């Protein structure tokens, strides 16, 4: 038992690894902010294009959504980082991760937004147009606020998945949280830094998971 604790819960090693993991956490948070922000904006634009009556917008958007939802994010990441240089486009690890995860996550966010927009009765849009609002104003002021409220648990759940997905960035040697923990493990020959990284992920995501559950229960009651 003492050997198990020393291998996985060694406080001294965790304290020594903490500065390195803290730097990795900062990179992870920056990555999450960029990927989530771009994913939300890109997803909304894709959803609006997919719902557009114009075929020139609708079918390319649907094809994009289907393609990048079907591609495994790890395969996409390796292709962007290791495959594009053969075409003369070499990206830094951070930019490669942002591009790959943007393509993947915007497709998932798009499906969530599309479901939310389609959940709003058409009569509301017609009533809003009857008051003199333009189609754009109707979407911004009437449809989207209700749509986002209807799918907020799904948006938050997808955001949790994005945060967990960033751990894949260690594959391209981006010094995010998991990569930093693994480096500390290789130096100390001890798994305690990995346990510390897992605890940090839990501390970040647990409140969000509880918030989603509480919100879902609230929707069920109403």
Protein backbone atom coordinates (compact mmCIF):
# COMPACT_ATOMS: atom_id res chain seq x y z
CA UNK A 1 0.00 0.00 0.00
CA UNK A 2 2.83 2.39 0.90
CA UNK A 3 4.49 1.65 -2.45
CA UNK A 4 1.23 2.38 -4.28
CA UNK A 5 0.87 5.74 -2.53
CA UNK A 6 4.49 6.60 -3.26
CA UNK A 7 4.04 5.81 -6.96
CA UNK A 8 0.75 7.64 -7.52
CA UNK A 9 0.20 10.10 -4.67
CA UNK A 10 3.67 11.34 -3.78
CA UNK A 11 3.04 14.85 -2.47
CA UNK A 12 6.71 15.89 -2.67
CA UNK A 13 6.90 15.00 -6.36
CA UNK A 14 3.57 16.70 -7.02
CA UNK A 15 4.87 19.90 -5.42
CA UNK A 16 8.05 19.76 -7.49
CA UNK A 17 6.06 19.15 -10.67
CA UNK A 18 3.49 21.85 -9.90
CA UNK A 19 5.34 24.80 -11.60
CA UNK A 20 5.71 22.80 -14.82
CA UNK A 21 2.07 21.70 -14.71
CA UNK A 22 0.97 25.27 -14.00
CA UNK A 23 2.67 26.41 -17.21
CA UNK A 24 0.94 23.59 -19.05
CA UNK A 25 -2.39 24.60 -17.52
CA UNK A 26 -1.96 28.14 -18.85
CA UNK A 27 -1.37 26.77 -22.35
CA UNK A 28 -4.43 24.52 -21.99
CA UNK A 29 -6.63 27.43 -20.90
CA UNK A 30 -5.41 29.59 -23.80
CA UNK A 31 -6.07 26.74 -26.20
CA UNK A 32 -9.56 26.19 -24.79
CA UNK A 33 -10.41 29.89 -25.04
CA UNK A 34 -9.35 30.10 -28.69
CA UNK A 35 -10.87 26.78 -29.80
CA UNK A 36 -14.17 27.27 -27.97
CA UNK A 37 -14.52 30.87 -29.14
CA UNK A 38 -13.79 30.06 -32.77
CA UNK A 39 -15.89 26.90 -32.60
CA UNK A 40 -18.96 28.77 -31.33
CA UNK A 41 -18.69 31.47 -33.99
CA UNK A 42 -17.90 29.00 -36.77
CA UNK A 43 -20.65 26.65 -35.62
CA UNK A 44 -23.25 29.40 -35.63
CA UNK A 45 -22.23 30.52 -39.12
CA UNK A 46 -22.36 26.92 -40.37
CA UNK A 47 -25.78 26.37 -38.80
CA UNK A 48 -27.19 29.49 -40.45
CA UNK A 49 -25.74 28.44 -43.81
CA UNK A 50 -27.10 24.89 -43.42
CA UNK A 51 -30.58 26.31 -42.79
CA UNK A 52 -30.35 28.80 -45.65
CA UNK A 53 -32.72 28.34 -48.60
CA UNK A 54 -29.80 29.15 -50.91
CA UNK A 55 -28.36 25.85 -52.12
CA UNK A 56 -24.93 27.43 -52.69
CA UNK A 57 -24.73 27.95 -48.91
CA UNK A 58 -26.79 25.05 -47.65
CA UNK A 59 -25.15 22.01 -49.25
CA UNK A 60 -21.48 23.02 -48.74
CA UNK A 61 -22.29 23.73 -45.08
CA UNK A 62 -24.02 20.37 -44.63
CA UNK A 63 -21.13 18.62 -46.36
CA UNK A 64 -18.62 20.38 -44.08
CA UNK A 65 -20.58 19.45 -40.96
CA UNK A 66 -20.94 15.79 -41.96
CA UNK A 67 -17.30 15.46 -43.02
CA UNK A 68 -15.70 16.91 -39.91
CA UNK A 69 -18.10 15.19 -37.53
CA UNK A 70 -17.14 11.88 -39.14
CA UNK A 71 -13.36 12.45 -39.04
CA UNK A 72 -11.70 11.39 -35.76
CA UNK A 73 -10.13 14.51 -34.21
CA UNK A 74 -6.81 12.75 -33.63
CA UNK A 75 -6.56 11.79 -37.31
CA UNK A 76 -7.41 15.36 -38.27
CA UNK A 77 -4.80 16.76 -35.88
CA UNK A 78 -2.03 14.48 -37.17
CA UNK A 79 -2.96 15.34 -40.76
CA UNK A 80 -2.89 19.11 -40.13
CA UNK A 81 0.39 18.98 -38.20
CA UNK A 82 2.28 16.27 -40.09
CA UNK A 83 0.52 16.11 -43.46
CA UNK A 84 0.21 19.75 -44.50
CA UNK A 85 3.99 20.38 -44.40
CA UNK A 86 4.27 18.11 -47.47
CA UNK A 87 2.15 20.70 -49.26
CA UNK A 88 4.44 23.49 -48.06
CA UNK A 89 2.21 24.61 -45.17
CA UNK A 90 4.02 24.11 -41.88
CA UNK A 91 2.18 25.17 -38.73
CA UNK A 92 3.35 25.55 -35.16
CA UNK A 93 1.92 22.97 -32.72
CA UNK A 94 -0.45 25.55 -31.19
CA UNK A 95 -1.80 26.74 -34.55
CA UNK A 96 -2.12 23.16 -35.83
CA UNK A 97 -4.18 22.19 -32.78
CA UNK A 98 -6.38 25.28 -33.13
CA UNK A 99 -7.03 24.60 -36.82
CA UNK A 100 -7.77 20.88 -36.35
CA UNK A 101 -10.01 21.36 -33.32
CA UNK A 102 -11.77 24.34 -34.93
CA UNK A 103 -12.73 22.21 -37.92
CA UNK A 104 -13.95 19.41 -35.66
CA UNK A 105 -15.73 21.44 -33.00
CA UNK A 106 -17.38 23.97 -35.26
CA UNK A 107 -19.12 21.04 -36.97
CA UNK A 108 -20.46 19.77 -33.63
CA UNK A 109 -21.48 23.24 -32.44
CA UNK A 110 -23.23 23.75 -35.79
CA UNK A 111 -25.45 20.72 -35.21
CA UNK A 112 -26.35 21.98 -31.74
CA UNK A 113 -27.22 25.46 -33.03
CA UNK A 114 -29.18 24.02 -35.94
CA UNK A 115 -31.25 21.87 -33.59
CA UNK A 116 -31.91 24.90 -31.39
CA UNK A 117 -33.00 27.11 -34.26
CA UNK A 118 -35.27 24.42 -35.68
CA UNK A 119 -36.88 23.96 -32.25
CA UNK A 120 -38.41 27.45 -32.45
CA UNK A 121 -41.91 27.44 -34.01
CA UNK A 122 -42.06 29.14 -37.40
CA UNK A 123 -44.97 31.24 -36.16
CA UNK A 124 -42.62 33.24 -33.95
CA UNK A 125 -40.50 34.27 -36.91
CA UNK A 126 -43.60 35.19 -38.88
CA UNK A 127 -44.94 37.26 -35.98
CA UNK A 128 -41.61 39.04 -35.60
CA UNK A 129 -41.50 39.82 -39.33
CA UNK A 130 -45.04 41.17 -39.08
CA UNK A 131 -43.86 43.78 -36.56
CA UNK A 132 -41.43 45.16 -39.13
CA UNK A 133 -38.24 43.35 -38.15
CA UNK A 134 -35.94 42.30 -40.96
CA UNK A 135 -34.97 38.66 -41.34
CA UNK A 136 -31.59 39.35 -39.74
CA UNK A 137 -33.12 41.27 -36.83
CA UNK A 138 -35.66 38.51 -36.33
CA UNK A 139 -32.88 35.92 -36.12
CA UNK A 140 -30.73 37.97 -33.73
CA UNK A 141 -33.41 39.30 -31.40
CA UNK A 142 -36.10 36.62 -31.46
CA UNK A 143 -34.89 33.22 -32.71
CA UNK A 144 -31.31 32.93 -31.48
CA UNK A 145 -31.88 33.89 -27.82
CA UNK A 146 -34.59 31.22 -27.50
CA UNK A 147 -32.61 28.69 -29.54
CA UNK A 148 -29.51 29.08 -27.36
CA UNK A 149 -31.61 28.71 -24.21
CA UNK A 150 -33.15 25.49 -25.53
CA UNK A 151 -29.80 23.89 -26.34
CA UNK A 152 -27.67 25.42 -23.60
CA UNK A 153 -27.06 22.05 -21.88
CA UNK A 154 -25.83 20.62 -25.19
CA UNK A 155 -23.58 23.62 -25.79
CA UNK A 156 -22.10 23.27 -22.31
CA UNK A 157 -21.68 19.50 -22.72
CA UNK A 158 -19.86 20.03 -26.00
CA UNK A 159 -17.65 22.62 -24.32
CA UNK A 160 -16.70 20.07 -21.65
CA UNK A 161 -15.74 17.67 -24.43
CA UNK A 162 -13.61 20.38 -26.05
CA UNK A 163 -11.66 20.91 -22.83
CA UNK A 164 -11.02 17.17 -22.56
CA UNK A 165 -10.15 17.04 -26.26
CA UNK A 166 -7.27 19.48 -25.76
CA UNK A 167 -5.32 16.69 -24.05
CA UNK A 168 -4.78 15.26 -27.55
CA UNK A 169 -2.51 18.23 -28.23
CA UNK A 170 0.25 16.34 -26.41
CA UNK A 171 0.54 14.16 -29.55
CA UNK A 172 2.11 17.09 -31.43
CA UNK A 173 4.34 18.01 -28.46
CA UNK A 174 2.36 21.09 -27.47
CA UNK A 175 3.32 21.80 -23.88
CA UNK A 176 -0.22 21.76 -22.50
CA UNK A 177 -1.24 20.19 -19.20
CA UNK A 178 -1.05 16.50 -20.12
CA UNK A 179 2.23 16.89 -22.03
CA UNK A 180 3.77 18.74 -19.08
CA UNK A 181 2.57 16.05 -16.66
CA UNK A 182 4.00 13.32 -18.86
CA UNK A 183 7.34 15.14 -19.04
CA UNK A 184 7.41 15.36 -15.25
CA UNK A 185 6.57 11.66 -15.03
CA UNK A 186 9.45 10.75 -17.35
CA UNK A 187 11.90 12.80 -15.28
CA UNK A 188 10.76 11.60 -11.85
CA UNK A 189 9.95 8.00 -12.86
CA UNK A 190 6.75 8.45 -10.88
CA UNK A 191 3.09 8.70 -11.94
CA UNK A 192 2.12 11.29 -9.35
CA UNK A 193 2.33 14.22 -11.85
CA UNK A 194 -0.27 12.45 -14.03
CA UNK A 195 -2.55 12.08 -11.02
CA UNK A 196 -2.09 15.78 -10.29
CA UNK A 197 -2.99 16.63 -13.90
CA UNK A 198 -6.12 14.49 -13.60
CA UNK A 199 -7.09 16.32 -10.40
CA UNK A 200 -6.64 19.67 -12.16
CA UNK A 201 -8.93 18.54 -15.00
CA UNK A 202 -11.51 17.42 -12.46
CA UNK A 203 -11.29 20.75 -10.60
CA UNK A 204 -11.91 22.61 -13.85
CA UNK A 205 -14.66 20.41 -15.28
CA UNK A 206 -16.55 19.18 -12.22
CA UNK A 207 -18.35 22.51 -11.55
CA UNK A 208 -19.34 22.73 -15.21
CA UNK A 209 -20.65 19.15 -15.19
CA UNK A 210 -22.70 19.87 -12.06
CA UNK A 211 -24.04 23.06 -13.65
CA UNK A 212 -25.17 21.12 -16.72
CA UNK A 213 -26.92 18.49 -14.58
CA UNK A 214 -28.66 21.15 -12.50
CA UNK A 215 -29.80 23.03 -15.59
CA UNK A 216 -31.11 19.85 -17.20
CA UNK A 217 -33.10 19.02 -14.07
CA UNK A 218 -34.52 22.54 -14.12
CA UNK A 219 -35.64 22.12 -17.72
CA UNK A 220 -37.23 18.76 -16.89
CA UNK A 221 -39.27 20.34 -14.08
CA UNK A 222 -40.53 23.10 -16.37
